[in-house]
Amino acid sequence: MAMNPKMLFQAKERYNIFKNQHPKLIEFGKVLDENAVEAGTVFEITATTPEGKKYTANIRLTPEDVETFRMFHKQQG
């Protein structure tokens, strides 16, 4: 499947907007990348709606996940 260059450009624009609106999350991601991205680490995320309903999911990182994180990190560098 070929990537649409226009969609890639739009995704980069959206990422820049997200990064500017949520700088603490981006910094947290950097800390995780430097200190916690290793096989066996569990990432958990909880979303809470305005009404207070909670949704939680987690993943345990595999060696392949670590490789993927490193690949994306190199692209951002």
Protein backbone atom coordinates (compact mmCIF):
# COMPACT_ATOMS: atom_id res chain seq x y z
CA MET A 1 0.00 0.00 0.00
CA ALA A 2 1.48 3.33 -1.10
CA MET A 3 1.46 6.31 1.25
CA ASN A 4 -0.31 9.42 0.04
CA PRO A 5 2.16 12.35 0.30
CA LYS A 6 -0.69 14.79 1.02
CA MET A 7 -1.85 12.65 3.96
CA LEU A 8 1.71 12.43 5.30
CA PHE A 9 1.98 16.23 5.15
CA GLN A 10 -1.39 16.59 6.94
CA ALA A 11 -0.32 14.08 9.60
CA LYS A 12 2.88 16.07 10.23
CA GLU A 13 0.84 19.28 10.56
CA ARG A 14 -1.56 17.60 13.02
CA TYR A 15 1.38 16.20 15.03
CA ASN A 16 2.87 19.70 15.30
CA ILE A 17 -0.46 21.08 16.53
CA PHE A 18 -0.76 18.25 19.07
CA LYS A 19 2.83 18.79 20.22
CA ASN A 20 2.17 22.52 20.77
CA GLN A 21 -1.09 21.91 22.63
CA HIS A 22 0.26 19.11 24.85
CA PRO A 23 3.96 19.76 25.55
CA LYS A 24 3.90 17.86 28.87
CA LEU A 25 2.83 14.67 27.10
CA ILE A 26 5.61 15.03 24.54
CA GLU A 27 8.18 15.55 27.34
CA PHE A 28 6.76 12.54 29.19
CA GLY A 29 7.21 10.51 26.01
CA LYS A 30 10.86 11.55 25.87
CA VAL A 31 11.39 10.50 29.49
CA LEU A 32 9.76 7.14 28.79
CA ASP A 33 11.88 6.67 25.69
CA GLU A 34 15.07 7.32 27.64
CA ASN A 35 14.14 5.34 30.77
CA ALA A 36 11.30 2.87 30.29
CA VAL A 37 11.19 1.56 26.72
CA GLU A 38 12.41 -1.99 27.20
CA ALA A 39 10.86 -5.40 26.73
CA GLY A 40 8.58 -6.26 29.64
CA THR A 41 7.61 -2.68 30.52
CA VAL A 42 3.84 -2.26 30.87
CA PHE A 43 2.25 0.86 29.39
CA GLU A 44 -1.21 1.64 30.74
CA ILE A 45 -3.54 4.40 29.66
CA THR A 46 -6.84 5.52 31.17
CA ALA A 47 -9.33 7.81 29.47
CA THR A 48 -11.99 9.54 31.56
CA THR A 49 -14.99 11.09 29.82
CA PRO A 50 -16.47 14.40 31.01
CA GLU A 51 -19.21 12.28 32.66
CA GLY A 52 -16.60 10.35 34.67
CA LYS A 53 -16.74 7.05 32.78
CA LYS A 54 -13.29 5.40 32.63
CA TYR A 55 -11.70 3.21 30.01
CA THR A 56 -8.33 1.55 30.66
CA ALA A 57 -6.03 -0.54 28.49
CA ASN A 58 -2.44 -1.72 28.82
CA ILE A 59 0.26 -3.44 26.83
CA ARG A 60 3.44 -5.22 27.84
CA LEU A 61 6.23 -4.19 25.47
CA THR A 62 7.80 -6.89 23.34
CA PRO A 63 11.26 -6.68 21.75
CA GLU A 64 9.49 -5.82 18.47
CA ASP A 65 7.64 -2.94 20.19
CA VAL A 66 10.95 -1.60 21.47
CA GLU A 67 12.38 -1.74 17.94
CA THR A 68 9.34 0.17 16.64
CA PHE A 69 9.69 2.86 19.33
CA ARG A 70 13.37 3.28 18.52
CA MET A 71 12.59 3.55 14.80
CA PHE A 72 10.07 6.34 15.40
CA HIS A 73 12.43 8.08 17.82
CA LYS A 74 15.17 8.17 15.18
CA GLN A 75 12.72 9.76 12.70
CA GLN A 76 11.82 12.48 15.22
CA GLY A 77 15.46 13.16 16.13
